[in-house]
N, C-alpha and C. Protein backbone atom coordinates (compact mmCIF):
# COMPACT_ATOMS: atom_id res chain seq x y z
N MET A 1 5.46 -49.85 -39.93
CA MET A 1 4.64 -50.57 -38.27
C MET A 1 5.90 -50.20 -37.88
N PHE A 2 4.95 -49.78 -36.20
CA PHE A 2 6.28 -49.39 -35.61
C PHE A 2 6.35 -49.46 -34.15
N GLY A 3 6.25 -50.74 -33.38
CA GLY A 3 6.36 -51.55 -31.91
C GLY A 3 7.05 -50.27 -31.17
N CYS A 4 5.86 -51.12 -29.83
CA CYS A 4 6.30 -50.00 -28.51
C CYS A 4 6.60 -51.26 -27.42
N GLN A 5 7.31 -51.39 -26.77
CA GLN A 5 7.04 -52.34 -25.45
C GLN A 5 7.65 -51.25 -24.62
N PHE A 6 6.43 -50.87 -23.50
CA PHE A 6 6.74 -50.05 -22.32
C PHE A 6 6.29 -50.58 -21.09
N SER A 7 6.72 -49.77 -19.92
CA SER A 7 6.05 -49.83 -18.87
C SER A 7 5.63 -48.88 -17.61
N PHE A 8 5.15 -48.90 -17.33
CA PHE A 8 4.26 -47.44 -16.53
C PHE A 8 5.00 -47.64 -14.79
N TYR A 9 5.27 -47.42 -14.57
CA TYR A 9 5.52 -47.19 -12.30
C TYR A 9 4.92 -46.05 -11.67
N PRO A 10 4.38 -45.74 -11.14
CA PRO A 10 3.27 -44.75 -11.14
C PRO A 10 4.09 -45.30 -9.62
N LEU A 11 4.54 -43.82 -9.09
CA LEU A 11 5.42 -43.44 -7.92
C LEU A 11 4.34 -43.47 -6.42
N ARG A 12 4.28 -43.88 -5.57
CA ARG A 12 4.12 -43.05 -4.22
C ARG A 12 2.79 -42.72 -3.89
N GLN A 13 2.16 -43.78 -4.95
CA GLN A 13 0.95 -44.04 -4.52
C GLN A 13 0.32 -44.95 -3.83
N PRO A 14 -0.87 -44.61 -3.34
CA PRO A 14 -1.76 -46.19 -2.84
C PRO A 14 -1.71 -47.44 -3.87
N ARG A 15 -2.75 -47.26 -4.63
CA ARG A 15 -2.63 -47.88 -5.15
C ARG A 15 -2.24 -47.99 -6.36
N VAL A 16 -1.43 -48.54 -7.71
CA VAL A 16 -1.18 -48.75 -8.48
C VAL A 16 -2.32 -48.36 -9.80
N SER A 17 -3.14 -49.12 -9.80
CA SER A 17 -3.79 -49.61 -11.40
C SER A 17 -4.66 -48.70 -10.84
N PRO A 18 -4.92 -47.54 -10.56
CA PRO A 18 -5.60 -46.37 -11.35
C PRO A 18 -5.00 -45.95 -12.36
N ALA A 19 -3.78 -45.67 -11.91
CA ALA A 19 -3.33 -45.12 -13.02
C ALA A 19 -2.88 -45.72 -14.18
N LEU A 20 -2.53 -46.63 -14.01
CA LEU A 20 -2.57 -48.19 -15.25
C LEU A 20 -3.71 -47.86 -16.45
N ASP A 21 -4.80 -48.19 -15.21
CA ASP A 21 -5.70 -48.79 -16.07
C ASP A 21 -6.47 -47.43 -16.51
N ALA A 22 -5.59 -46.14 -16.47
CA ALA A 22 -6.13 -44.86 -17.38
C ALA A 22 -4.68 -45.09 -18.79
N ALA A 23 -3.98 -44.95 -18.23
CA ALA A 23 -2.90 -45.56 -19.65
C ALA A 23 -3.29 -46.26 -20.38
N LEU A 24 -4.13 -47.15 -20.45
CA LEU A 24 -4.30 -48.26 -21.11
C LEU A 24 -6.33 -48.26 -21.80
N ALA A 25 -6.86 -46.87 -20.94
CA ALA A 25 -8.12 -46.53 -21.51
C ALA A 25 -7.26 -45.34 -22.80
N GLU A 26 -6.56 -44.90 -22.69
CA GLU A 26 -6.70 -43.65 -23.39
C GLU A 26 -5.55 -44.18 -24.85
N LEU A 27 -4.91 -45.62 -24.67
CA LEU A 27 -4.10 -46.28 -26.04
C LEU A 27 -5.71 -46.44 -26.04
N ARG A 28 -6.32 -47.43 -25.97
CA ARG A 28 -7.80 -47.83 -26.74
C ARG A 28 -8.35 -46.52 -27.10
N ASP A 29 -8.46 -45.72 -26.03
CA ASP A 29 -9.64 -44.38 -27.03
C ASP A 29 -8.35 -43.47 -28.30
N ALA A 30 -7.42 -44.35 -28.25
CA ALA A 30 -6.12 -43.64 -29.45
C ALA A 30 -6.51 -44.65 -30.32
N GLY A 31 -7.95 -45.69 -30.94
CA GLY A 31 -7.21 -46.71 -31.45
C GLY A 31 -6.14 -47.92 -31.54
N LEU A 32 -5.52 -47.64 -30.69
CA LEU A 32 -4.65 -49.03 -30.56
C LEU A 32 -4.75 -50.45 -29.60
N HIS A 33 -4.57 -51.15 -29.74
CA HIS A 33 -5.04 -52.19 -28.90
C HIS A 33 -3.46 -53.04 -28.37
N PRO A 34 -3.65 -52.37 -26.88
CA PRO A 34 -2.17 -53.22 -25.69
C PRO A 34 -2.85 -54.26 -25.42
N ILE A 35 -1.16 -55.03 -26.04
CA ILE A 35 -0.88 -56.67 -25.74
C ILE A 35 -1.19 -56.07 -23.70
N VAL A 36 -1.72 -56.47 -22.58
CA VAL A 36 -1.12 -56.24 -21.79
C VAL A 36 0.03 -57.44 -20.96
N GLY A 37 1.14 -57.83 -20.94
CA GLY A 37 1.68 -58.87 -20.11
C GLY A 37 1.90 -58.44 -18.66
N ALA A 38 2.67 -59.67 -18.38
CA ALA A 38 2.98 -59.51 -16.32
C ALA A 38 4.20 -58.73 -16.79
N MET A 39 4.90 -57.53 -17.32
CA MET A 39 6.14 -56.68 -16.93
C MET A 39 5.81 -56.25 -18.29
N SER A 40 5.45 -56.52 -19.18
CA SER A 40 4.93 -54.45 -19.98
C SER A 40 3.55 -54.72 -21.44
N THR A 41 3.64 -53.70 -22.03
CA THR A 41 2.88 -53.42 -22.09
C THR A 41 2.79 -53.30 -23.68
N TYR A 42 2.91 -53.97 -24.95
CA TYR A 42 2.85 -54.09 -26.17
C TYR A 42 2.02 -53.29 -26.77
N ILE A 43 2.37 -52.24 -28.31
CA ILE A 43 1.51 -51.59 -28.90
C ILE A 43 1.94 -50.72 -30.30
N GLU A 44 1.33 -51.39 -31.75
CA GLU A 44 1.53 -51.19 -32.69
C GLU A 44 1.01 -50.70 -33.36
N GLY A 45 1.66 -49.66 -34.39
CA GLY A 45 1.40 -48.60 -35.55
C GLY A 45 2.07 -47.76 -36.33
N ASP A 46 1.41 -46.53 -36.78
CA ASP A 46 1.97 -45.77 -37.31
C ASP A 46 2.91 -45.14 -36.53
N GLU A 47 4.00 -44.38 -36.96
CA GLU A 47 4.24 -43.57 -36.09
C GLU A 47 4.21 -42.46 -35.31
N ASN A 48 3.28 -41.76 -35.83
CA ASN A 48 2.32 -40.83 -35.58
C ASN A 48 1.82 -41.30 -34.46
N SER A 49 0.44 -42.15 -34.70
CA SER A 49 -0.37 -43.33 -33.38
C SER A 49 0.71 -44.11 -32.48
N VAL A 50 1.89 -44.60 -32.64
CA VAL A 50 2.71 -44.84 -31.08
C VAL A 50 3.02 -44.10 -29.98
N PHE A 51 3.58 -43.17 -31.11
CA PHE A 51 3.70 -41.80 -30.28
C PHE A 51 3.05 -41.21 -29.89
N ASP A 52 2.47 -40.80 -29.88
CA ASP A 52 0.69 -39.79 -29.64
C ASP A 52 -0.16 -40.57 -29.29
N GLY A 53 0.25 -41.74 -29.19
CA GLY A 53 -0.30 -42.97 -28.03
C GLY A 53 -0.08 -43.13 -26.34
N LEU A 54 1.20 -43.47 -26.39
CA LEU A 54 2.29 -43.03 -26.20
C LEU A 54 2.38 -41.36 -24.66
N LYS A 55 1.81 -40.64 -25.87
CA LYS A 55 2.09 -39.56 -24.67
C LYS A 55 0.47 -39.42 -24.25
N ARG A 56 -0.26 -39.38 -25.00
CA ARG A 56 -2.45 -39.88 -24.18
C ARG A 56 -1.60 -41.10 -22.56
N ALA A 57 -0.79 -41.04 -22.76
CA ALA A 57 -0.82 -42.37 -22.18
C ALA A 57 -0.24 -42.35 -20.87
N PHE A 58 0.73 -41.13 -20.86
CA PHE A 58 1.50 -41.28 -19.50
C PHE A 58 0.55 -40.04 -19.57
N ARG A 59 0.02 -38.87 -20.06
CA ARG A 59 -0.91 -37.39 -19.53
C ARG A 59 -1.51 -38.16 -18.25
N ALA A 60 -2.02 -39.03 -18.55
CA ALA A 60 -3.25 -40.17 -17.67
C ALA A 60 -2.60 -40.41 -17.20
N ALA A 61 -1.55 -41.17 -16.42
CA ALA A 61 -1.30 -41.35 -15.46
C ALA A 61 -0.46 -40.92 -14.53
N ALA A 62 0.08 -39.63 -15.50
CA ALA A 62 0.73 -39.30 -14.10
C ALA A 62 0.15 -37.77 -14.53
N ALA A 63 -2.23 -38.08 -14.57
CA ALA A 63 -2.38 -36.87 -13.73
C ALA A 63 -2.65 -37.67 -12.71
N ARG A 64 -2.47 -38.75 -12.28
CA ARG A 64 -2.57 -39.59 -10.95
C ARG A 64 -1.85 -39.19 -10.33
N GLY A 65 -0.75 -38.98 -10.65
CA GLY A 65 0.41 -38.69 -9.80
C GLY A 65 1.40 -38.80 -10.26
N ASP A 66 2.79 -39.49 -9.40
CA ASP A 66 4.43 -39.35 -10.01
C ASP A 66 4.58 -40.60 -10.40
N THR A 67 5.38 -39.91 -11.50
CA THR A 67 4.79 -42.15 -12.75
C THR A 67 6.44 -42.14 -13.90
N VAL A 68 6.84 -43.13 -13.55
CA VAL A 68 7.73 -43.63 -14.68
C VAL A 68 7.43 -43.56 -15.85
N LEU A 69 7.78 -44.20 -16.62
CA LEU A 69 7.56 -44.43 -18.14
C LEU A 69 8.94 -44.78 -18.98
N VAL A 70 9.14 -46.11 -18.81
CA VAL A 70 10.35 -46.85 -19.20
C VAL A 70 9.92 -47.37 -21.44
N ALA A 71 9.94 -46.92 -21.97
CA ALA A 71 9.49 -47.52 -23.80
C ALA A 71 10.90 -47.86 -24.49
N THR A 72 10.59 -48.85 -25.17
CA THR A 72 11.05 -49.48 -26.32
C THR A 72 10.47 -49.37 -27.35
N VAL A 73 10.55 -47.99 -28.68
CA VAL A 73 10.74 -47.85 -30.02
C VAL A 73 11.62 -48.91 -30.82
N SER A 74 10.81 -49.23 -31.43
CA SER A 74 11.33 -50.16 -33.26
C SER A 74 10.42 -49.85 -34.06
N ASN A 75 11.23 -49.68 -35.96
CA ASN A 75 10.48 -49.52 -36.84
C ASN A 75 11.28 -50.44 -37.14
N ALA A 76 12.07 -52.14 -36.83
CA ALA A 76 12.06 -52.51 -37.54
C ALA A 76 12.07 -54.35 -37.10
N CYS A 77 11.12 -54.70 -36.10
CA CYS A 77 10.21 -55.73 -35.23
C CYS A 77 9.35 -56.32 -35.60
N PRO A 78 9.20 -57.81 -36.32
CA PRO A 78 7.82 -58.03 -36.89
C PRO A 78 7.49 -57.88 -35.97
N THR A 79 5.75 -57.55 -36.01
CA THR A 79 4.44 -57.40 -35.52
C THR A 79 3.94 -58.37 -35.11
N ALA A 80 2.80 -58.11 -34.08
CA ALA A 80 2.71 -58.85 -33.43
C ALA A 80 1.81 -60.02 -33.44
N CYS A 81 1.18 -59.27 -34.81
CA CYS A 81 0.22 -60.91 -35.75
C CYS A 81 0.58 -61.34 -36.71
N GLU A 82 2.62 -60.92 -36.57
CA GLU A 82 3.16 -61.97 -37.30
C GLU A 82 3.39 -63.78 -36.33
N GLY A 83 3.63 -63.97 -35.48
CA GLY A 83 3.26 -64.59 -34.02
C GLY A 83 4.41 -65.27 -34.93
């Protein structure tokens, strides 16, 4: 199981929510279940699902303007469901 904590930073955009909403929609469409926090978002799944989901989410956000993605990926973290 892979876990990924990440943050998007839409740049020079009048509103950031369209880019963030598009990224989250792509993650959900990819079958991932993002856990949105105040500072970052978390997803988990197998290696391909996590990396493919991040790529889809980045493309969706970047389609709305300049965007920065900061991500930490691990194969050694407990899953969010293990609490």
